């Protein structure tokens, strides 16, 4: 696009003037004048016409003879800015020679044309896309009577605000109903990954700012570690440490002694920082006394005359003082109630937002909302569970008593109620629908199942981290050194000790730099299908000389020279590869192994993790399903954590599908149970509304021959109707609704 700012009018004028003043132009003008006079002499002129006078005037005023003709006008030139051609026929100044007058006029023409064609497109979308012409009209009516008629002004203002609210509601409803993909939903929710609110300041290295984390680490390594060698190591520890046989937070240590020891530690840290020119921010230090004793007595830590660390205080009267560390809230007695309330509050905000997006008859697909709950709500709700959840029960202090309650029932109920709030936004159901059925119909784990999965995931991590990790040393309980049971380990007391023994031990990995053999990061398939690859492999195998040996293995690397690797697709009839698969299967089914082969693997304990997770889910479902109605248990037998096919239905059809199973909908018994006096209890056929009436109504049976998955005869009783409706999949159910128009015409509300 041209930009008029890049054109210099003075330069154009000088160039045109130099061209017109040249001898070539003068000769051309003389020749053109003689040719024009010859043509005019050949034309018969009317004696009473003033043609000669017009010719003389034309010769005297060459500027008036300019005619601008635009034959092919670009479509993108705005009609509101026509070229001011009327200005170009007048000379700039009568005192200038005609040549300069023509050059100045032509320059002005070019400059304005460039500005018109090269102007930027200033059009942009409105920040209020919901603003309509009706809103504009209502606003004009209100402004017209605001100062002249106060009585009408109030009515006009209310009408204007009502119109704006209706326009906003219609705009957002249209946007929400047009959500088709998960990305559209996340744009509406405005969700982003959780991260720290603090951003580290950039480092100034050689006068250049460095913001990337890896670049900072490399710069610090060069600036700090690169300046020293092993000869610069300190011979002794600069901070004196006195080791004790017991930890300072045992019950034998009083609060005053604990405060004194902490003050001494802080003083040594500040002294070390002052000696090594490292600045700390002691005013940001927080402290909380963790104890099981009753009362709120806490003692401040007096480090020196300028620094005193006070215990954290409650934010509001009646609240428990908490200390936040790494996103986890620690209270005085480690009840974790403050942490649960904080995480549930954040998750409820997202859950309420999801619930506001959808209604029973309109909104985004339930499958997309389910993904939003799993992606946004559950991680926010279960953050920090490794610190407080080790199961509903824990070992008793006395081994003879077995296990006792861990007192986490309140925590589980809060998490489950938060998830139920989010699921009610996912499913188009009525508010009286039982909570256990919501988890089953949405394919989302319950609060108990979610916590059990988080516990097992942490146990899996404890068994698969490398042997140099700090948590590895805390997994095994300490040994009994004296008394009864000497030489054995103490019972597991901490959460890490209990979870570390849930899964079998496996050989722990070691930290080592990554190893990439030649060609191991290249896709061996080459992007072709198995059938084509199988034919190509067989052709290649037949071309091998008889001296070559072809060995089939399950994943290898080229370690020696003279060995070539080639991918062979499995289960495609390749003789050697099929034999290798058969031998591998026989080895997997073989009995007990010996040596390293008998030890469990990381892949094996992952399978155990999945089995324990599924057992926890089924254990919860077996407990709560007994409280559901017999009607619902007839429809739903299993509990699966997956995106169910019915969640892809449109929300009105999904509502009918779920109401049919829970019987919480527009039915006769439901309205009578909750005393809905204005409800319509009968179908248009005269019979009472019931969930199975869809297949029993004689008006819907008129199209029986076109029913999907049609039985031999129309259903005649409740048992046959339920059996037929249970046999339909979600798509067939929608086809039946569209065929019979049952809820839209026959059995309306």
Foldseek 3Di string as FASTA:
>chain_A
DFDLVVDDLVVQLVVQLVVCPDPVNVVVVVVVVVVVVVVVVPDDDDPVDCVVVVVVVCVLQVLQVDDDDDDDDDPPQDPVDDQPVVVRSDFPDPVDDNSSSNSSSVSVSVSSVSCRVVPDDPDDDDPCNLDDVVLVVLVVVLVVCVPPPVVVNVVSVVVSVVVSVVSVVVVLQVQFQPDDDLVSVCVVLVDDDDDDPDADAFDQDPNDTDRDPVVVVVRCCCVPVVVDDVVPDDPDDPQDDDDDPDDCPDPVHDQVNVLVVVLVVVLSVVVVCVVVVHDDDLVPDEDAAADPDDDDDHDWRDNDPVDIHDHADDPDPPDFGWDDDPLQTAGRHRPSPVRQVVLLVVLLVSLVVLLVQDALAGGHFLLSLLVCCVVPRLCSNCPPLLPQDLDQWDADPDNVVGIDGSPCPVSLVSQQVSSLSSLCSSANEDPPFDSVVSCQVSLHFGSQLSSLLVLLVVLLCLQAAAPVDPLVVVQFADADCDDPRHPHGDDDDDSSNVSVPPFAHFHYDHDDDDDDAPPPPPDQVPPDDQQVQQVVVVVVVVPDDPVDDDADDDDDGDDDPPDDDHDHDPPPPDVRRVVRVVVVVVVVPDDADDDNVNGDDSVRRVVVSVVVSVVSRVVVCVVCVVVADPQLCVQDPDGHNDRDPLSRDRSNLSHLVVCLRRVCDLFQVNCVVVVVPPHDQAWQQGHGGGSLVLQVRVQLCVVQVPQPPRDPDGDHDDVVSVVVVSVDDNVSSVVSCVSRVCDPPTGDD
